[in-house]
Amino acid sequence: MSPEDRREAIVAATVPLLFQHGANVTTSQIANAAGIAEGTVFRAFKDKQELIATCVRSVLDVEAELDLIAEAGQVDALADRLSWAISAVSGYMDRTWKLVGVLRDSGYHPHHADGEHKRPPVEMQRITERIAELFGPDADRLRVDPQLAARLLLGLVFTNRMHGDGFGDSTAETNQLVELYLHGVLRGDQ
């Protein structure tokens, strides 16, 4: 197995453990999950911090979601394209928020590990750009430019994901979110 393949296999085995144990996961648990000797972890990564940072980057990677959103561009109806995009983005948000929460609860702050706080905004910008492309066939019907339309949609998706802790317990389903986004919160008869 090449060194890069070995690193990828260790990351793949470690990510589920991070969701379960946060930064408190031990290298012994990692080695056991990867089916390797504990020393192999340290030959592939200089330390556990580097491994965790690599796992965080892996979870924050948005390529699969970008591909799903691109596939949505093949759908005719704007509402259906947006539903598809919302589903992709919601999955990404759930995954990243869960990992960040578990890591933070275990005393690790992933955005500050390397002294920078760039990755999630860059990934969300890429998602925004891809969603903006979904408005292309309907651009002549928009009241705002596609980039702003995409940002507003993401804002709605983001706030819909926030519930509990003073935000209330209700959330909108994907189709309801698209309906509210495209047509507002007022009924058509008012």
N, C-alpha and C. Protein backbone atom coordinates (compact mmCIF):
# COMPACT_ATOMS: atom_id res chain seq x y z
N MET A 1 0.86 -1.17 0.00
CA MET A 1 0.00 0.00 0.00
C MET A 1 0.90 1.24 0.00
N SER A 2 0.59 2.18 -0.87
CA SER A 2 1.39 3.41 -0.95
C SER A 2 1.19 4.24 0.32
N PRO A 3 2.14 5.12 0.63
CA PRO A 3 1.98 5.97 1.82
C PRO A 3 0.70 6.82 1.76
N GLU A 4 0.34 7.31 0.58
CA GLU A 4 -0.88 8.11 0.46
C GLU A 4 -2.12 7.25 0.68
N ASP A 5 -2.11 6.04 0.12
CA ASP A 5 -3.23 5.12 0.35
C ASP A 5 -3.35 4.77 1.83
N ARG A 6 -2.22 4.58 2.49
CA ARG A 6 -2.21 4.27 3.92
C ARG A 6 -2.81 5.43 4.71
N ARG A 7 -2.40 6.65 4.38
CA ARG A 7 -2.95 7.83 5.06
C ARG A 7 -4.47 7.91 4.86
N GLU A 8 -4.93 7.69 3.64
CA GLU A 8 -6.36 7.74 3.35
C GLU A 8 -7.12 6.67 4.13
N ALA A 9 -6.55 5.48 4.24
CA ALA A 9 -7.19 4.40 4.98
C ALA A 9 -7.28 4.74 6.47
N ILE A 10 -6.24 5.35 7.00
CA ILE A 10 -6.25 5.74 8.42
C ILE A 10 -7.28 6.84 8.65
N VAL A 11 -7.35 7.80 7.75
CA VAL A 11 -8.35 8.87 7.86
C VAL A 11 -9.75 8.26 7.80
N ALA A 12 -9.98 7.36 6.86
CA ALA A 12 -11.31 6.73 6.72
C ALA A 12 -11.70 5.98 8.00
N ALA A 13 -10.73 5.36 8.66
CA ALA A 13 -11.02 4.64 9.91
C ALA A 13 -11.19 5.60 11.08
N THR A 14 -10.55 6.75 11.02
CA THR A 14 -10.56 7.70 12.14
C THR A 14 -11.80 8.58 12.16
N VAL A 15 -12.29 8.98 11.01
CA VAL A 15 -13.44 9.90 10.97
C VAL A 15 -14.62 9.41 11.80
N PRO A 16 -15.08 8.16 11.64
CA PRO A 16 -16.20 7.71 12.49
C PRO A 16 -15.87 7.76 13.98
N LEU A 17 -14.62 7.51 14.32
CA LEU A 17 -14.21 7.57 15.73
C LEU A 17 -14.25 9.01 16.25
N LEU A 18 -13.93 9.97 15.39
CA LEU A 18 -14.02 11.38 15.80
C LEU A 18 -15.46 11.77 16.08
N PHE A 19 -16.39 11.29 15.27
CA PHE A 19 -17.80 11.58 15.50
C PHE A 19 -18.26 10.98 16.84
N GLN A 20 -17.63 9.89 17.21
CA GLN A 20 -18.01 9.20 18.44
C GLN A 20 -17.28 9.74 19.67
N HIS A 21 -15.98 9.97 19.57
CA HIS A 21 -15.17 10.31 20.73
C HIS A 21 -14.59 11.73 20.70
N GLY A 22 -14.74 12.41 19.59
CA GLY A 22 -14.10 13.72 19.46
C GLY A 22 -12.59 13.56 19.49
N ALA A 23 -11.92 14.61 19.95
CA ALA A 23 -10.45 14.60 19.99
C ALA A 23 -9.92 13.66 21.07
N ASN A 24 -10.79 13.08 21.87
CA ASN A 24 -10.37 12.16 22.92
C ASN A 24 -10.12 10.75 22.38
N VAL A 25 -10.33 10.54 21.09
CA VAL A 25 -10.04 9.24 20.51
C VAL A 25 -8.55 8.94 20.72
N THR A 26 -8.23 7.70 21.00
CA THR A 26 -6.83 7.34 21.22
C THR A 26 -6.23 6.76 19.94
N THR A 27 -4.92 6.85 19.86
CA THR A 27 -4.25 6.26 18.69
C THR A 27 -4.40 4.74 18.71
N SER A 28 -4.57 4.16 19.87
CA SER A 28 -4.83 2.73 19.96
C SER A 28 -6.18 2.39 19.32
N GLN A 29 -7.21 3.19 19.59
CA GLN A 29 -8.52 2.99 18.97
C GLN A 29 -8.43 3.17 17.45
N ILE A 30 -7.66 4.16 17.03
CA ILE A 30 -7.50 4.42 15.60
C ILE A 30 -6.83 3.25 14.92
N ALA A 31 -5.72 2.78 15.51
CA ALA A 31 -4.99 1.65 14.93
C ALA A 31 -5.87 0.41 14.85
N ASN A 32 -6.63 0.17 15.91
CA ASN A 32 -7.53 -0.99 15.94
C ASN A 32 -8.58 -0.89 14.83
N ALA A 33 -9.18 0.29 14.69
CA ALA A 33 -10.20 0.49 13.66
C ALA A 33 -9.62 0.36 12.25
N ALA A 34 -8.37 0.78 12.08
CA ALA A 34 -7.73 0.72 10.76
C ALA A 34 -7.10 -0.64 10.50
N GLY A 35 -7.02 -1.49 11.53
CA GLY A 35 -6.42 -2.80 11.37
C GLY A 35 -4.91 -2.74 11.17
N ILE A 36 -4.28 -1.81 11.87
CA ILE A 36 -2.83 -1.62 11.75
C ILE A 36 -2.21 -1.54 13.13
N ALA A 37 -0.90 -1.58 13.18
CA ALA A 37 -0.19 -1.38 14.44
C ALA A 37 -0.21 0.10 14.79
N GLU A 38 -0.20 0.41 16.07
CA GLU A 38 -0.26 1.80 16.51
C GLU A 38 0.90 2.63 15.95
N GLY A 39 2.05 2.05 15.83
CA GLY A 39 3.21 2.76 15.29
C GLY A 39 3.01 3.21 13.85
N THR A 40 2.19 2.48 13.11
CA THR A 40 1.92 2.83 11.72
C THR A 40 1.21 4.18 11.63
N VAL A 41 0.38 4.49 12.62
CA VAL A 41 -0.29 5.79 12.66
C VAL A 41 0.75 6.90 12.66
N PHE A 42 1.80 6.71 13.46
CA PHE A 42 2.82 7.75 13.60
C PHE A 42 3.83 7.76 12.45
N ARG A 43 3.85 6.70 11.66
CA ARG A 43 4.67 6.74 10.44
C ARG A 43 3.92 7.48 9.33
N ALA A 44 2.60 7.43 9.39
CA ALA A 44 1.79 8.10 8.37
C ALA A 44 1.53 9.57 8.70
N PHE A 45 1.43 9.89 10.00
CA PHE A 45 1.16 11.24 10.47
C PHE A 45 2.16 11.58 11.56
N LYS A 46 2.61 12.84 11.60
CA LYS A 46 3.63 13.18 12.60
C LYS A 46 3.10 13.09 14.02
N ASP A 47 1.79 13.34 14.20
CA ASP A 47 1.17 13.21 15.52
C ASP A 47 -0.34 13.14 15.37
N LYS A 48 -1.01 12.95 16.48
CA LYS A 48 -2.48 12.83 16.45
C LYS A 48 -3.13 14.13 15.98
N GLN A 49 -2.54 15.26 16.31
CA GLN A 49 -3.10 16.54 15.88
C GLN A 49 -3.13 16.66 14.36
N GLU A 50 -2.05 16.23 13.71
CA GLU A 50 -2.03 16.27 12.25
C GLU A 50 -3.10 15.35 11.68
N LEU A 51 -3.26 14.17 12.28
CA LEU A 51 -4.27 13.23 11.82
C LEU A 51 -5.67 13.84 11.99
N ILE A 52 -5.95 14.44 13.14
CA ILE A 52 -7.26 15.04 13.37
C ILE A 52 -7.51 16.17 12.37
N ALA A 53 -6.51 17.01 12.16
CA ALA A 53 -6.66 18.12 11.20
C ALA A 53 -6.94 17.58 9.80
N THR A 54 -6.29 16.50 9.41
CA THR A 54 -6.52 15.88 8.11
C THR A 54 -7.94 15.32 8.03
N CYS A 55 -8.39 14.72 9.11
CA CYS A 55 -9.77 14.19 9.15
C CYS A 55 -10.79 15.32 9.05
N VAL A 56 -10.53 16.43 9.74
CA VAL A 56 -11.45 17.57 9.68
C VAL A 56 -11.53 18.09 8.25
N ARG A 57 -10.38 18.22 7.59
CA ARG A 57 -10.39 18.66 6.18
C ARG A 57 -11.17 17.68 5.31
N SER A 58 -11.05 16.40 5.62
CA SER A 58 -11.78 15.38 4.86
C SER A 58 -13.29 15.54 5.03
N VAL A 59 -13.74 15.79 6.26
CA VAL A 59 -15.17 15.96 6.52
C VAL A 59 -15.68 17.26 5.91
N LEU A 60 -14.85 18.30 5.91
CA LEU A 60 -15.25 19.59 5.36
C LEU A 60 -15.22 19.61 3.83
N ASP A 61 -14.60 18.59 3.23
CA ASP A 61 -14.53 18.55 1.78
C ASP A 61 -15.94 18.51 1.19
N VAL A 62 -16.15 19.30 0.18
CA VAL A 62 -17.50 19.50 -0.34
C VAL A 62 -17.66 18.98 -1.78
N GLU A 63 -16.69 18.24 -2.28
CA GLU A 63 -16.75 17.78 -3.67
C GLU A 63 -17.99 16.96 -3.98
N ALA A 64 -18.37 16.06 -3.08
CA ALA A 64 -19.56 15.23 -3.33
C ALA A 64 -20.81 16.09 -3.43
N GLU A 65 -20.92 17.10 -2.58
CA GLU A 65 -22.08 17.98 -2.61
C GLU A 65 -22.09 18.83 -3.88
N LEU A 66 -20.92 19.28 -4.30
CA LEU A 66 -20.83 20.05 -5.54
C LEU A 66 -21.28 19.20 -6.73
N ASP A 67 -20.91 17.93 -6.72
CA ASP A 67 -21.34 17.03 -7.79
C ASP A 67 -22.85 16.85 -7.79
N LEU A 68 -23.44 16.69 -6.60
CA LEU A 68 -24.90 16.55 -6.50
C LEU A 68 -25.61 17.80 -7.01
N ILE A 69 -25.09 18.96 -6.63
CA ILE A 69 -25.71 20.21 -7.07
C ILE A 69 -25.58 20.36 -8.58
N ALA A 70 -24.44 19.97 -9.13
CA ALA A 70 -24.26 20.02 -10.58
C ALA A 70 -25.27 19.11 -11.28
N GLU A 71 -25.52 17.92 -10.71
CA GLU A 71 -26.52 17.01 -11.27
C GLU A 71 -27.90 17.65 -11.25
N ALA A 72 -28.18 18.44 -10.22
CA ALA A 72 -29.49 19.10 -10.12
C ALA A 72 -29.72 20.03 -11.29
N GLY A 73 -28.64 20.55 -11.88
CA GLY A 73 -28.76 21.44 -13.02
C GLY A 73 -29.42 20.80 -14.23
N GLN A 74 -29.50 19.49 -14.24
CA GLN A 74 -30.11 18.77 -15.37
C GLN A 74 -31.63 18.66 -15.23
N VAL A 75 -32.16 19.06 -14.08
CA VAL A 75 -33.59 18.98 -13.82
C VAL A 75 -34.27 20.23 -14.39
N ASP A 76 -35.44 20.06 -14.98
CA ASP A 76 -36.11 21.18 -15.64
C ASP A 76 -36.66 22.23 -14.69
N ALA A 77 -37.42 21.84 -13.70
CA ALA A 77 -38.12 22.80 -12.84
C ALA A 77 -37.18 23.40 -11.78
N LEU A 78 -37.20 24.72 -11.66
CA LEU A 78 -36.36 25.42 -10.69
C LEU A 78 -36.61 24.89 -9.27
N ALA A 79 -37.87 24.71 -8.89
CA ALA A 79 -38.18 24.23 -7.54
C ALA A 79 -37.52 22.87 -7.28
N ASP A 80 -37.52 22.01 -8.28
CA ASP A 80 -36.89 20.70 -8.11
C ASP A 80 -35.37 20.81 -8.01
N ARG A 81 -34.78 21.71 -8.81
CA ARG A 81 -33.33 21.93 -8.73
C ARG A 81 -32.96 22.43 -7.34
N LEU A 82 -33.75 23.36 -6.81
CA LEU A 82 -33.45 23.92 -5.49
C LEU A 82 -33.65 22.89 -4.39
N SER A 83 -34.65 22.04 -4.51
CA SER A 83 -34.85 20.96 -3.52
C SER A 83 -33.64 20.05 -3.48
N TRP A 84 -33.14 19.71 -4.65
CA TRP A 84 -31.98 18.85 -4.76
C TRP A 84 -30.78 19.53 -4.08
N ALA A 85 -30.58 20.79 -4.35
CA ALA A 85 -29.46 21.53 -3.76
C ALA A 85 -29.60 21.63 -2.25
N ILE A 86 -30.81 21.90 -1.77
CA ILE A 86 -31.04 22.00 -0.33
C ILE A 86 -30.70 20.68 0.36
N SER A 87 -31.09 19.59 -0.23
CA SER A 87 -30.77 18.28 0.36
C SER A 87 -29.26 18.07 0.46
N ALA A 88 -28.54 18.44 -0.58
CA ALA A 88 -27.08 18.30 -0.55
C ALA A 88 -26.46 19.19 0.51
N VAL A 89 -26.89 20.42 0.56
CA VAL A 89 -26.32 21.38 1.52
C VAL A 89 -26.69 20.99 2.95
N SER A 90 -27.90 20.53 3.15
CA SER A 90 -28.33 20.14 4.50
C SER A 90 -27.48 18.99 5.03
N GLY A 91 -27.21 18.02 4.18
CA GLY A 91 -26.35 16.91 4.58
C GLY A 91 -24.96 17.39 4.95
N TYR A 92 -24.42 18.31 4.17
CA TYR A 92 -23.10 18.87 4.45
C TYR A 92 -23.11 19.61 5.79
N MET A 93 -24.12 20.45 6.00
CA MET A 93 -24.20 21.20 7.26
C MET A 93 -24.33 20.28 8.45
N ASP A 94 -25.18 19.28 8.34
CA ASP A 94 -25.35 18.34 9.45
C ASP A 94 -24.03 17.66 9.80
N ARG A 95 -23.34 17.19 8.78
CA ARG A 95 -22.07 16.49 8.98
C ARG A 95 -21.03 17.40 9.62
N THR A 96 -20.85 18.59 9.09
CA THR A 96 -19.81 19.47 9.61
C THR A 96 -20.16 19.99 11.00
N TRP A 97 -21.42 20.37 11.21
CA TRP A 97 -21.81 20.88 12.53
C TRP A 97 -21.65 19.80 13.59
N LYS A 98 -22.01 18.57 13.25
CA LYS A 98 -21.87 17.48 14.23
C LYS A 98 -20.41 17.28 14.59
N LEU A 99 -19.54 17.23 13.60
CA LEU A 99 -18.12 17.01 13.90
C LEU A 99 -17.54 18.18 14.70
N VAL A 100 -17.83 19.39 14.28
CA VAL A 100 -17.31 20.55 14.99
C VAL A 100 -17.80 20.54 16.44
N GLY A 101 -19.07 20.19 16.65
CA GLY A 101 -19.62 20.15 18.00
C GLY A 101 -18.94 19.10 18.87
N VAL A 102 -18.76 17.90 18.33
CA VAL A 102 -18.12 16.83 19.09
C VAL A 102 -16.68 17.20 19.41
N LEU A 103 -15.97 17.75 18.42
CA LEU A 103 -14.59 18.14 18.67
C LEU A 103 -14.50 19.26 19.70
N ARG A 104 -15.36 20.24 19.57
CA ARG A 104 -15.35 21.36 20.52
C ARG A 104 -15.65 20.85 21.93
N ASP A 105 -16.63 19.95 22.06
CA ASP A 105 -16.97 19.39 23.37
C ASP A 105 -15.81 18.63 23.99
N SER A 106 -14.93 18.11 23.15
CA SER A 106 -13.77 17.37 23.67
C SER A 106 -12.54 18.27 23.81
N GLY A 107 -12.74 19.59 23.66
CA GLY A 107 -11.65 20.53 23.90
C GLY A 107 -10.83 20.90 22.68
N TYR A 108 -11.22 20.43 21.52
CA TYR A 108 -10.47 20.72 20.29
C TYR A 108 -11.26 21.74 19.48
N HIS A 109 -10.59 22.74 18.98
CA HIS A 109 -11.25 23.77 18.19
C HIS A 109 -10.70 23.71 16.77
N PRO A 110 -11.40 23.00 15.88
CA PRO A 110 -10.87 22.72 14.55
C PRO A 110 -10.55 23.94 13.71
N HIS A 111 -11.27 25.04 13.87
CA HIS A 111 -11.01 26.20 13.03
C HIS A 111 -9.77 26.96 13.48
N HIS A 112 -9.31 26.68 14.66
CA HIS A 112 -8.16 27.42 15.17
C HIS A 112 -6.92 26.54 15.30
N ALA A 113 -7.02 25.29 14.88
CA ALA A 113 -5.91 24.36 15.05
C ALA A 113 -4.67 24.81 14.31
N ASP A 114 -4.84 25.36 13.13
CA ASP A 114 -3.67 25.79 12.36
C ASP A 114 -3.54 27.31 12.34
N GLY A 115 -4.29 27.97 13.20
CA GLY A 115 -4.20 29.43 13.30
C GLY A 115 -5.00 30.16 12.25
N GLU A 116 -5.71 29.42 11.39
CA GLU A 116 -6.50 30.06 10.34
C GLU A 116 -7.94 29.61 10.43
N HIS A 117 -8.81 30.40 9.84
CA HIS A 117 -10.24 30.10 9.85
C HIS A 117 -10.76 30.30 8.43
N LYS A 118 -10.17 29.55 7.48
CA LYS A 118 -10.52 29.77 6.08
C LYS A 118 -11.42 28.69 5.50
N ARG A 119 -11.20 27.46 5.83
CA ARG A 119 -11.78 26.35 5.09
C ARG A 119 -13.30 26.39 4.94
N PRO A 120 -14.08 26.43 6.03
CA PRO A 120 -15.53 26.38 5.79
C PRO A 120 -16.05 27.52 4.92
N PRO A 121 -15.64 28.77 5.13
CA PRO A 121 -16.15 29.81 4.24
C PRO A 121 -15.79 29.58 2.77
N VAL A 122 -14.61 29.07 2.50
CA VAL A 122 -14.21 28.78 1.13
C VAL A 122 -15.13 27.70 0.55
N GLU A 123 -15.39 26.68 1.32
CA GLU A 123 -16.27 25.61 0.84
C GLU A 123 -17.69 26.12 0.63
N MET A 124 -18.18 26.95 1.53
CA MET A 124 -19.53 27.49 1.36
C MET A 124 -19.59 28.44 0.16
N GLN A 125 -18.50 29.13 -0.11
CA GLN A 125 -18.47 29.98 -1.31
C GLN A 125 -18.57 29.13 -2.57
N ARG A 126 -17.90 27.99 -2.57
CA ARG A 126 -17.97 27.09 -3.72
C ARG A 126 -19.39 26.54 -3.89
N ILE A 127 -20.04 26.22 -2.77
CA ILE A 127 -21.43 25.76 -2.83
C ILE A 127 -22.33 26.87 -3.37
N THR A 128 -22.12 28.09 -2.88
CA THR A 128 -22.93 29.23 -3.32
C THR A 128 -22.80 29.41 -4.83
N GLU A 129 -21.59 29.36 -5.33
CA GLU A 129 -21.36 29.52 -6.77
C GLU A 129 -22.06 28.44 -7.58
N ARG A 130 -22.01 27.21 -7.07
CA ARG A 130 -22.64 26.10 -7.79
C ARG A 130 -24.16 26.25 -7.75
N ILE A 131 -24.71 26.67 -6.62
CA ILE A 131 -26.16 26.88 -6.55
C ILE A 131 -26.58 28.04 -7.45
N ALA A 132 -25.77 29.08 -7.52
CA ALA A 132 -26.08 30.21 -8.40
C ALA A 132 -26.25 29.75 -9.84
N GLU A 133 -25.47 28.75 -10.24
CA GLU A 133 -25.58 28.21 -11.59
C GLU A 133 -26.96 27.59 -11.84
N LEU A 134 -27.59 27.09 -10.79
CA LEU A 134 -28.91 26.46 -10.94
C LEU A 134 -29.97 27.47 -11.38
N PHE A 135 -29.73 28.75 -11.11
CA PHE A 135 -30.71 29.78 -11.48
C PHE A 135 -30.57 30.21 -12.93
N GLY A 136 -29.51 29.77 -13.61
CA GLY A 136 -29.24 30.19 -14.98
C GLY A 136 -30.43 30.11 -15.92
N PRO A 137 -31.09 28.94 -16.03
CA PRO A 137 -32.22 28.84 -16.96
C PRO A 137 -33.39 29.76 -16.61
N ASP A 138 -33.44 30.24 -15.37
CA ASP A 138 -34.54 31.08 -14.93
C ASP A 138 -34.07 32.50 -14.59
N ALA A 139 -32.89 32.87 -15.04
CA ALA A 139 -32.31 34.17 -14.67
C ALA A 139 -33.20 35.34 -15.04
N ASP A 140 -33.91 35.23 -16.15
CA ASP A 140 -34.77 36.33 -16.58
C ASP A 140 -35.98 36.52 -15.66
N ARG A 141 -36.28 35.55 -14.82
CA ARG A 141 -37.41 35.63 -13.90
C ARG A 141 -37.00 36.10 -12.51
N LEU A 142 -35.70 36.25 -12.25
CA LEU A 142 -35.21 36.59 -10.92
C LEU A 142 -35.29 38.09 -10.64
N ARG A 143 -35.57 38.44 -9.40
CA ARG A 143 -35.56 39.84 -8.97
C ARG A 143 -34.17 40.28 -8.55
N VAL A 144 -33.28 39.33 -8.30
CA VAL A 144 -31.91 39.61 -7.89
C VAL A 144 -30.97 38.76 -8.74
N ASP A 145 -29.67 39.07 -8.69
CA ASP A 145 -28.73 38.28 -9.48
C ASP A 145 -28.62 36.87 -8.87
N PRO A 146 -28.23 35.89 -9.68
CA PRO A 146 -28.17 34.50 -9.21
C PRO A 146 -27.28 34.29 -7.98
N GLN A 147 -26.18 35.04 -7.88
CA GLN A 147 -25.29 34.89 -6.73
C GLN A 147 -26.01 35.27 -5.43
N LEU A 148 -26.72 36.38 -5.44
CA LEU A 148 -27.47 36.80 -4.26
C LEU A 148 -28.62 35.82 -4.00
N ALA A 149 -29.28 35.37 -5.04
CA ALA A 149 -30.36 34.39 -4.87
C ALA A 149 -29.83 33.13 -4.17
N ALA A 150 -28.65 32.69 -4.57
CA ALA A 150 -28.04 31.51 -3.94
C ALA A 150 -27.70 31.78 -2.49
N ARG A 151 -27.13 32.94 -2.19
CA ARG A 151 -26.78 33.29 -0.80
C ARG A 151 -28.03 33.35 0.07
N LEU A 152 -29.10 33.93 -0.45
CA LEU A 152 -30.34 34.02 0.31
C LEU A 152 -30.92 32.63 0.57
N LEU A 153 -30.87 31.76 -0.42
CA LEU A 153 -31.34 30.39 -0.23
C LEU A 153 -30.52 29.70 0.85
N LEU A 154 -29.22 29.84 0.79
CA LEU A 154 -28.36 29.21 1.81
C LEU A 154 -28.63 29.78 3.19
N GLY A 155 -28.92 31.08 3.27
CA GLY A 155 -29.27 31.67 4.56
C GLY A 155 -30.52 31.05 5.13
N LEU A 156 -31.50 30.81 4.28
CA LEU A 156 -32.73 30.18 4.72
C LEU A 156 -32.48 28.74 5.17
N VAL A 157 -31.68 28.01 4.41
CA VAL A 157 -31.34 26.63 4.77
C VAL A 157 -30.59 26.62 6.10
N PHE A 158 -29.65 27.53 6.25
CA PHE A 158 -28.84 27.61 7.46
C PHE A 158 -29.73 27.85 8.68
N THR A 159 -30.58 28.85 8.62
CA THR A 159 -31.42 29.16 9.78
C THR A 159 -32.46 28.08 10.02
N ASN A 160 -32.89 27.38 8.99
CA ASN A 160 -33.83 26.28 9.17
C ASN A 160 -33.20 25.14 9.96
N ARG A 161 -31.88 24.99 9.85
CA ARG A 161 -31.17 23.91 10.55
C ARG A 161 -31.03 24.21 12.04
N MET A 162 -31.21 25.47 12.42
CA MET A 162 -31.06 25.88 13.82
C MET A 162 -32.38 25.66 14.54
N HIS A 163 -32.38 24.77 15.51
CA HIS A 163 -33.58 24.56 16.31
C HIS A 163 -33.15 24.15 17.71
N GLY A 164 -34.07 24.25 18.64
CA GLY A 164 -33.73 24.01 20.03
C GLY A 164 -32.92 25.19 20.56
N ASP A 165 -32.51 25.13 21.80
CA ASP A 165 -31.69 26.18 22.42
C ASP A 165 -32.21 27.58 22.11
N GLY A 166 -33.51 27.78 22.27
CA GLY A 166 -34.08 29.11 22.08
C GLY A 166 -34.53 29.42 20.66
N PHE A 167 -34.28 28.53 19.71
CA PHE A 167 -34.66 28.77 18.33
C PHE A 167 -36.01 28.14 17.98
N GLY A 168 -36.60 27.42 18.91
CA GLY A 168 -37.84 26.72 18.62
C GLY A 168 -37.56 25.32 18.14
N ASP A 169 -38.61 24.53 18.02
CA ASP A 169 -38.45 23.13 17.65
C ASP A 169 -38.92 22.80 16.24
N SER A 170 -39.56 23.76 15.57
CA SER A 170 -40.09 23.45 14.25
C SER A 170 -39.08 23.79 13.16
N THR A 171 -39.06 22.96 12.15
CA THR A 171 -38.25 23.21 10.96
C THR A 171 -39.12 22.91 9.74
N ALA A 172 -38.75 23.49 8.63
CA ALA A 172 -39.48 23.25 7.38
C ALA A 172 -38.85 22.08 6.64
N GLU A 173 -39.68 21.28 6.01
CA GLU A 173 -39.20 20.22 5.14
C GLU A 173 -38.65 20.88 3.86
N THR A 174 -37.87 20.14 3.12
CA THR A 174 -37.22 20.69 1.93
C THR A 174 -38.21 21.33 0.96
N ASN A 175 -39.27 20.62 0.61
CA ASN A 175 -40.23 21.18 -0.35
C ASN A 175 -40.92 22.42 0.19
N GLN A 176 -41.20 22.43 1.49
CA GLN A 176 -41.81 23.61 2.12
C GLN A 176 -40.83 24.77 2.10
N LEU A 177 -39.57 24.49 2.33
CA LEU A 177 -38.54 25.53 2.30
C LEU A 177 -38.45 26.16 0.91
N VAL A 178 -38.49 25.34 -0.13
CA VAL A 178 -38.45 25.85 -1.50
C VAL A 178 -39.68 26.70 -1.78
N GLU A 179 -40.83 26.24 -1.35
CA GLU A 179 -42.08 26.99 -1.55
C GLU A 179 -42.00 28.35 -0.85
N LEU A 180 -41.53 28.36 0.39
CA LEU A 180 -41.41 29.62 1.13
C LEU A 180 -40.39 30.55 0.46
N TYR A 181 -39.30 29.97 0.00
CA TYR A 181 -38.25 30.75 -0.65
C TYR A 181 -38.77 31.39 -1.94
N LEU A 182 -39.44 30.60 -2.76
CA LEU A 182 -39.88 31.10 -4.06
C LEU A 182 -41.13 31.98 -3.98
N HIS A 183 -41.99 31.75 -2.99
CA HIS A 183 -43.28 32.44 -2.97
C HIS A 183 -43.58 33.21 -1.69
N GLY A 184 -42.70 33.17 -0.71
CA GLY A 184 -42.91 33.91 0.53
C GLY A 184 -43.74 33.18 1.55
N VAL A 185 -43.95 33.81 2.67
CA VAL A 185 -44.67 33.18 3.76
C VAL A 185 -46.16 33.50 3.76
N LEU A 186 -46.59 34.45 2.94
CA LEU A 186 -48.00 34.78 2.87
C LEU A 186 -48.73 33.85 1.92
N ARG A 187 -49.96 33.53 2.26
CA ARG A 187 -50.78 32.71 1.36
C ARG A 187 -51.11 33.52 0.12
N GLY A 188 -51.36 32.85 -0.95
CA GLY A 188 -51.65 33.52 -2.21
C GLY A 188 -52.91 34.36 -2.22
N ASP A 189 -53.85 34.08 -1.31
CA ASP A 189 -55.12 34.81 -1.29
C ASP A 189 -55.05 36.11 -0.50
N GLN A 190 -53.88 36.50 -0.01
CA GLN A 190 -53.78 37.70 0.83
C GLN A 190 -52.92 38.76 0.17
